[in-house]
C-alpha atoms as a PDB file:
ATOM      1  CA  MET A   1     -20.647 -10.338 -13.338  1.00  0.00           C
ATOM      2  CA  ALA A   2     -18.732 -12.969 -15.311  1.00  0.00           C
ATOM      3  CA  SER A   3     -15.546 -10.954 -15.005  1.00  0.00           C
ATOM      4  CA  ASN A   4     -15.950 -10.840 -11.208  1.00  0.00           C
ATOM      5  CA  ASN A   5     -16.380 -14.598 -11.165  1.00  0.00           C
ATOM      6  CA  ARG A   6     -13.313 -14.949 -13.342  1.00  0.00           C
ATOM      7  CA  SER A   7     -11.345 -12.652 -11.004  1.00  0.00           C
ATOM      8  CA  ASP A   8     -12.427 -14.673  -7.976  1.00  0.00           C
ATOM      9  CA  LYS A   9     -11.265 -17.887  -9.656  1.00  0.00           C
ATOM     10  CA  ALA A  10      -7.937 -16.325 -10.623  1.00  0.00           C
ATOM     11  CA  GLU A  11      -7.328 -15.135  -7.062  1.00  0.00           C
ATOM     12  CA  THR A  12      -7.997 -18.575  -5.612  1.00  0.00           C
ATOM     13  CA  GLY A  13      -5.704 -20.193  -8.160  1.00  0.00           C
ATOM     14  CA  MET A  14      -8.440 -22.126  -9.979  1.00  0.00           C
ATOM     15  CA  VAL A  15      -7.667 -20.496 -13.331  1.00  0.00           C
ATOM     16  CA  PRO A  16      -4.167 -21.105 -14.648  1.00  0.00           C
ATOM     17  CA  GLU A  17      -2.395 -17.967 -15.792  1.00  0.00           C
ATOM     18  CA  VAL A  18      -1.740 -19.350 -19.285  1.00  0.00           C
ATOM     19  CA  ALA A  19      -3.031 -22.098 -21.570  1.00  0.00           C
ATOM     20  CA  ASN A  20       0.303 -23.820 -22.126  1.00  0.00           C
ATOM     21  CA  PRO A  21       2.698 -23.417 -19.187  1.00  0.00           C
ATOM     22  CA  GLY A  22       4.567 -26.657 -19.870  1.00  0.00           C
ATOM     23  CA  ILE A  23       7.562 -27.583 -21.919  1.00  0.00           C
ATOM     24  CA  VAL A  24       5.415 -29.218 -24.627  1.00  0.00           C
ATOM     25  CA  ARG A  25       5.254 -26.340 -27.097  1.00  0.00           C
ATOM     26  CA  PRO A  26       3.301 -27.099 -30.293  1.00  0.00           C
ATOM     27  CA  PRO A  27       5.895 -25.706 -32.737  1.00  0.00           C
ATOM     28  CA  LEU A  28       8.566 -27.825 -31.038  1.00  0.00           C
ATOM     29  CA  VAL A  29       6.362 -30.930 -31.218  1.00  0.00           C
ATOM     30  CA  TYR A  30       6.029 -30.554 -34.976  1.00  0.00           C
ATOM     31  CA  LEU A  31       9.639 -29.462 -35.481  1.00  0.00           C
ATOM     32  CA  GLY A  32      10.784 -32.566 -33.599  1.00  0.00           C
ATOM     33  CA  ALA A  33       8.500 -34.772 -35.677  1.00  0.00           C
ATOM     34  CA  ILE A  34       9.820 -33.237 -38.906  1.00  0.00           C
ATOM     35  CA  ALA A  35      13.448 -33.584 -37.774  1.00  0.00           C
ATOM     36  CA  LEU A  36      12.966 -37.220 -36.782  1.00  0.00           C
ATOM     37  CA  GLY A  37      11.128 -37.938 -40.029  1.00  0.00           C
ATOM     38  CA  LEU A  38      13.937 -36.390 -42.060  1.00  0.00           C
ATOM     39  CA  LEU A  39      16.575 -38.366 -40.151  1.00  0.00           C
ATOM     40  CA  LEU A  40      14.687 -41.587 -40.813  1.00  0.00           C
ATOM     41  CA  HIS A  41      14.207 -40.611 -44.451  1.00  0.00           C
ATOM     42  CA  PHE A  42      17.906 -40.000 -45.013  1.00  0.00           C
ATOM     43  CA  ALA A  43      18.840 -43.226 -43.194  1.00  0.00           C
ATOM     44  CA  TRP A  44      16.219 -45.390 -44.907  1.00  0.00           C
ATOM     45  CA  PRO A  45      14.274 -43.635 -47.697  1.00  0.00           C
ATOM     46  CA  VAL A  46      10.736 -44.853 -48.300  1.00  0.00           C
ATOM     47  CA  ARG A  47       8.997 -43.011 -51.120  1.00  0.00           C
ATOM     48  CA  LEU A  48       5.488 -41.666 -50.684  1.00  0.00           C
ATOM     49  CA  VAL A  49       4.311 -40.568 -54.134  1.00  0.00           C
ATOM     50  CA  PRO A  50       5.668 -40.665 -57.689  1.00  0.00           C
ATOM     51  CA  ARG A  51       8.568 -38.223 -58.154  1.00  0.00           C
ATOM     52  CA  ALA A  52       6.706 -36.223 -60.796  1.00  0.00           C
ATOM     53  CA  VAL A  53       3.973 -35.422 -58.258  1.00  0.00           C
ATOM     54  CA  SER A  54       6.014 -34.888 -55.096  1.00  0.00           C
ATOM     55  CA  VAL A  55       7.292 -31.321 -55.574  1.00  0.00           C
ATOM     56  CA  PRO A  56       4.125 -29.746 -57.033  1.00  0.00           C
ATOM     57  CA  LEU A  57       1.875 -31.479 -54.496  1.00  0.00           C
ATOM     58  CA  GLY A  58       4.189 -30.818 -51.565  1.00  0.00           C
ATOM     59  CA  GLY A  59       4.752 -27.210 -52.549  1.00  0.00           C
ATOM     60  CA  THR A  60       1.019 -26.589 -52.830  1.00  0.00           C
ATOM     61  CA  VAL A  61       0.282 -28.123 -49.440  1.00  0.00           C
ATOM     62  CA  VAL A  62       3.131 -26.141 -47.832  1.00  0.00           C
ATOM     63  CA  LEU A  63       1.728 -22.906 -49.308  1.00  0.00           C
ATOM     64  CA  VAL A  64      -1.764 -23.739 -48.016  1.00  0.00           C
ATOM     65  CA  ALA A  65      -0.301 -24.465 -44.564  1.00  0.00           C
ATOM     66  CA  VAL A  66       1.625 -21.179 -44.471  1.00  0.00           C
ATOM     67  CA  ALA A  67      -1.427 -19.209 -45.662  1.00  0.00           C
ATOM     68  CA  LEU A  68      -3.641 -20.841 -43.013  1.00  0.00           C
ATOM     69  CA  PHE A  69      -1.088 -20.135 -40.287  1.00  0.00           C
ATOM     70  CA  LEU A  70      -0.720 -16.484 -41.285  1.00  0.00           C
ATOM     71  CA  TYR A  71      -4.499 -16.082 -41.483  1.00  0.00           C
ATOM     72  CA  ALA A  72      -4.908 -17.574 -37.998  1.00  0.00           C
ATOM     73  CA  VAL A  73      -2.135 -15.397 -36.524  1.00  0.00           C
ATOM     74  CA  ARG A  74      -3.576 -12.281 -38.180  1.00  0.00           C
ATOM     75  CA  THR A  75      -7.008 -13.125 -36.758  1.00  0.00           C
ATOM     76  CA  PHE A  76      -5.515 -13.391 -33.253  1.00  0.00           C
ATOM     77  CA  TRP A  77      -3.691 -10.074 -33.671  1.00  0.00           C
ATOM     78  CA  ILE A  78      -6.870  -8.333 -34.825  1.00  0.00           C
ATOM     79  CA  ALA A  79      -8.717  -9.750 -31.814  1.00  0.00           C
ATOM     80  CA  GLY A  80      -5.945  -8.488 -29.536  1.00  0.00           C
ATOM     81  CA  THR A  81      -5.075 -11.842 -28.000  1.00  0.00           C
ATOM     82  CA  PRO A  82      -1.561 -13.311 -27.922  1.00  0.00           C
ATOM     83  CA  VAL A  83      -0.579 -16.101 -30.270  1.00  0.00           C
ATOM     84  CA  ARG A  84       1.809 -17.802 -27.864  1.00  0.00           C
ATOM     85  CA  GLY A  85       0.223 -20.283 -25.475  1.00  0.00           C
ATOM     86  CA  ASN A  86       2.475 -19.220 -22.619  1.00  0.00           C
ATOM     87  CA  ARG A  87       0.789 -15.811 -22.479  1.00  0.00           C
ATOM     88  CA  PRO A  88      -2.687 -15.191 -21.000  1.00  0.00           C
ATOM     89  CA  THR A  89      -5.548 -15.420 -23.486  1.00  0.00           C
ATOM     90  CA  THR A  90      -7.668 -12.261 -23.554  1.00  0.00           C
ATOM     91  CA  THR A  91     -10.664 -13.386 -25.614  1.00  0.00           C
ATOM     92  CA  ILE A  92     -12.228 -16.282 -27.484  1.00  0.00           C
ATOM     93  CA  VAL A  93     -11.686 -15.782 -31.211  1.00  0.00           C
ATOM     94  CA  ARG A  94     -14.556 -16.986 -33.415  1.00  0.00           C
ATOM     95  CA  THR A  95     -13.762 -15.247 -36.687  1.00  0.00           C
ATOM     96  CA  GLY A  96     -11.558 -16.076 -39.640  1.00  0.00           C
ATOM     97  CA  PRO A  97     -10.350 -19.684 -39.687  1.00  0.00           C
ATOM     98  CA  TYR A  98     -11.650 -20.111 -36.123  1.00  0.00           C
ATOM     99  CA  ARG A  99     -15.169 -20.352 -37.578  1.00  0.00           C
ATOM    100  CA  CYS A 100     -14.253 -23.787 -39.003  1.00  0.00           C
ATOM    101  CA  SER A 101     -11.579 -25.087 -36.622  1.00  0.00           C
ATOM    102  CA  ARG A 102     -10.796 -24.396 -32.974  1.00  0.00           C
ATOM    103  CA  ASN A 103      -7.122 -25.080 -33.747  1.00  0.00           C
ATOM    104  CA  PRO A 104      -6.243 -23.756 -37.199  1.00  0.00           C
ATOM    105  CA  MET A 105      -2.622 -23.102 -36.207  1.00  0.00           C
ATOM    106  CA  TYR A 106      -2.147 -26.724 -35.179  1.00  0.00           C
ATOM    107  CA  LEU A 107      -3.949 -27.785 -38.341  1.00  0.00           C
ATOM    108  CA  SER A 108      -1.505 -25.638 -40.331  1.00  0.00           C
ATOM    109  CA  PHE A 109       1.465 -27.295 -38.573  1.00  0.00           C
ATOM    110  CA  SER A 110       0.072 -30.709 -39.521  1.00  0.00           C
ATOM    111  CA  LEU A 111      -0.508 -29.597 -43.106  1.00  0.00           C
ATOM    112  CA  LEU A 112       3.025 -28.220 -43.219  1.00  0.00           C
ATOM    113  CA  GLN A 113       4.425 -31.591 -42.237  1.00  0.00           C
ATOM    114  CA  ILE A 114       2.228 -33.341 -44.817  1.00  0.00           C
ATOM    115  CA  GLY A 115       3.448 -30.874 -47.435  1.00  0.00           C
ATOM    116  CA  VAL A 116       7.086 -31.411 -46.506  1.00  0.00           C
ATOM    117  CA  ALA A 117       6.487 -35.182 -46.577  1.00  0.00           C
ATOM    118  CA  CYS A 118       5.162 -34.928 -50.124  1.00  0.00           C
ATOM    119  CA  TRP A 119       7.834 -32.463 -51.223  1.00  0.00           C
ATOM    120  CA  VAL A 120      10.702 -34.578 -49.861  1.00  0.00           C
ATOM    121  CA  ASN A 121       8.765 -37.687 -50.908  1.00  0.00           C
ATOM    122  CA  SER A 122       9.073 -39.388 -47.539  1.00  0.00           C
ATOM    123  CA  LEU A 123       6.679 -41.790 -45.896  1.00  0.00           C
ATOM    124  CA  TRP A 124       8.670 -41.351 -42.665  1.00  0.00           C
ATOM    125  CA  LEU A 125       7.465 -37.770 -42.300  1.00  0.00           C
ATOM    126  CA  LEU A 126       3.885 -39.030 -42.298  1.00  0.00           C
ATOM    127  CA  VAL A 127       4.764 -41.747 -39.799  1.00  0.00           C
ATOM    128  CA  THR A 128       6.319 -39.218 -37.397  1.00  0.00           C
ATOM    129  CA  LEU A 129       3.314 -36.923 -37.834  1.00  0.00           C
ATOM    130  CA  MET A 130       1.069 -39.506 -36.153  1.00  0.00           C
ATOM    131  CA  PRO A 131       2.625 -39.282 -32.670  1.00  0.00           C
ATOM    132  CA  ALA A 132       2.803 -35.491 -32.989  1.00  0.00           C
ATOM    133  CA  VAL A 133      -0.928 -35.281 -33.723  1.00  0.00           C
ATOM    134  CA  ALA A 134      -1.627 -37.753 -30.912  1.00  0.00           C
ATOM    135  CA  LEU A 135       0.376 -35.642 -28.453  1.00  0.00           C
ATOM    136  CA  MET A 136      -1.488 -32.541 -29.565  1.00  0.00           C
ATOM    137  CA  SER A 137      -4.891 -34.270 -29.419  1.00  0.00           C
ATOM    138  CA  PHE A 138      -4.484 -36.022 -26.091  1.00  0.00           C
ATOM    139  CA  VAL A 139      -2.183 -33.706 -24.105  1.00  0.00           C
ATOM    140  CA  VAL A 140      -1.793 -30.172 -25.430  1.00  0.00           C
ATOM    141  CA  ILE A 141      -5.270 -29.368 -26.754  1.00  0.00           C
ATOM    142  CA  PRO A 142      -7.197 -30.813 -23.781  1.00  0.00           C
ATOM    143  CA  ARG A 143      -5.020 -28.763 -21.405  1.00  0.00           C
ATOM    144  CA  GLU A 144      -5.691 -25.627 -23.440  1.00  0.00           C
ATOM    145  CA  GLU A 145      -9.409 -26.392 -23.638  1.00  0.00           C
ATOM    146  CA  GLN A 146      -9.594 -26.819 -19.868  1.00  0.00           C
ATOM    147  CA  TYR A 147      -7.896 -23.439 -19.444  1.00  0.00           C
ATOM    148  CA  LEU A 148     -10.331 -21.758 -21.828  1.00  0.00           C
ATOM    149  CA  GLU A 149     -13.372 -23.473 -20.269  1.00  0.00           C
ATOM    150  CA  THR A 150     -12.319 -22.260 -16.833  1.00  0.00           C
ATOM    151  CA  ARG A 151     -11.299 -18.771 -17.914  1.00  0.00           C
ATOM    152  CA  PHE A 152     -14.198 -18.073 -20.323  1.00  0.00           C
ATOM    153  CA  PRO A 153     -16.983 -20.531 -19.437  1.00  0.00           C
ATOM    154  CA  SER A 154     -19.868 -18.540 -20.928  1.00  0.00           C
ATOM    155  CA  ASP A 155     -17.970 -17.863 -24.170  1.00  0.00           C
ATOM    156  CA  TYR A 156     -15.874 -20.973 -24.748  1.00  0.00           C
ATOM    157  CA  LEU A 157     -18.365 -23.752 -24.012  1.00  0.00           C
ATOM    158  CA  PRO A 158     -20.874 -22.673 -26.719  1.00  0.00           C
ATOM    159  CA  TYR A 159     -17.987 -22.110 -29.138  1.00  0.00           C
ATOM    160  CA  LYS A 160     -16.570 -25.559 -28.349  1.00  0.00           C
ATOM    161  CA  ALA A 161     -19.988 -27.114 -28.934  1.00  0.00           C
ATOM    162  CA  SER A 162     -20.392 -25.431 -32.319  1.00  0.00           C
ATOM    163  CA  VAL A 163     -16.898 -25.682 -33.893  1.00  0.00           C
ATOM    164  CA  ARG A 164     -14.863 -28.844 -34.388  1.00  0.00           C
ATOM    165  CA  ARG A 165     -11.435 -29.277 -32.835  1.00  0.00           C
ATOM    166  CA  TRP A 166      -9.571 -29.845 -36.099  1.00  0.00           C
ATOM    167  CA  LEU A 167     -11.973 -29.608 -39.073  1.00  0.00           C
END
């Protein structure tokens, strides 16, 4: 019965076809923040941590970010739902890293930028992370959540109530 309701909503145009139809793509948000942070760093370097700590700490955080991203992507693939937000979601994924965070890929992008900031030893990369996280938190994620609430109301709402957005 839920699938009929979903079909009716899709036919009347109430359910968007995809979660992220716009030009604000999460990887581009973070890539832009990293690029701007690096430009600022090279123009006006402001150190973040002692040099002896920067590479080991940054490298570790980058590895954690990459591992989390790969784990999240693998979990999506196993569930049979597309990773890209401009493709229709087929199911709500509650396993793997999605047990602890509704957005582990975005969390991994943020961790990646933190890791690069430590590795390069740049406060600017942390400064440019703030608007990226704000854009994700106030524009991208709410739009995706609305899509999922409309497309999978009986599955997504309980999941949303039981798992935090970030951590």
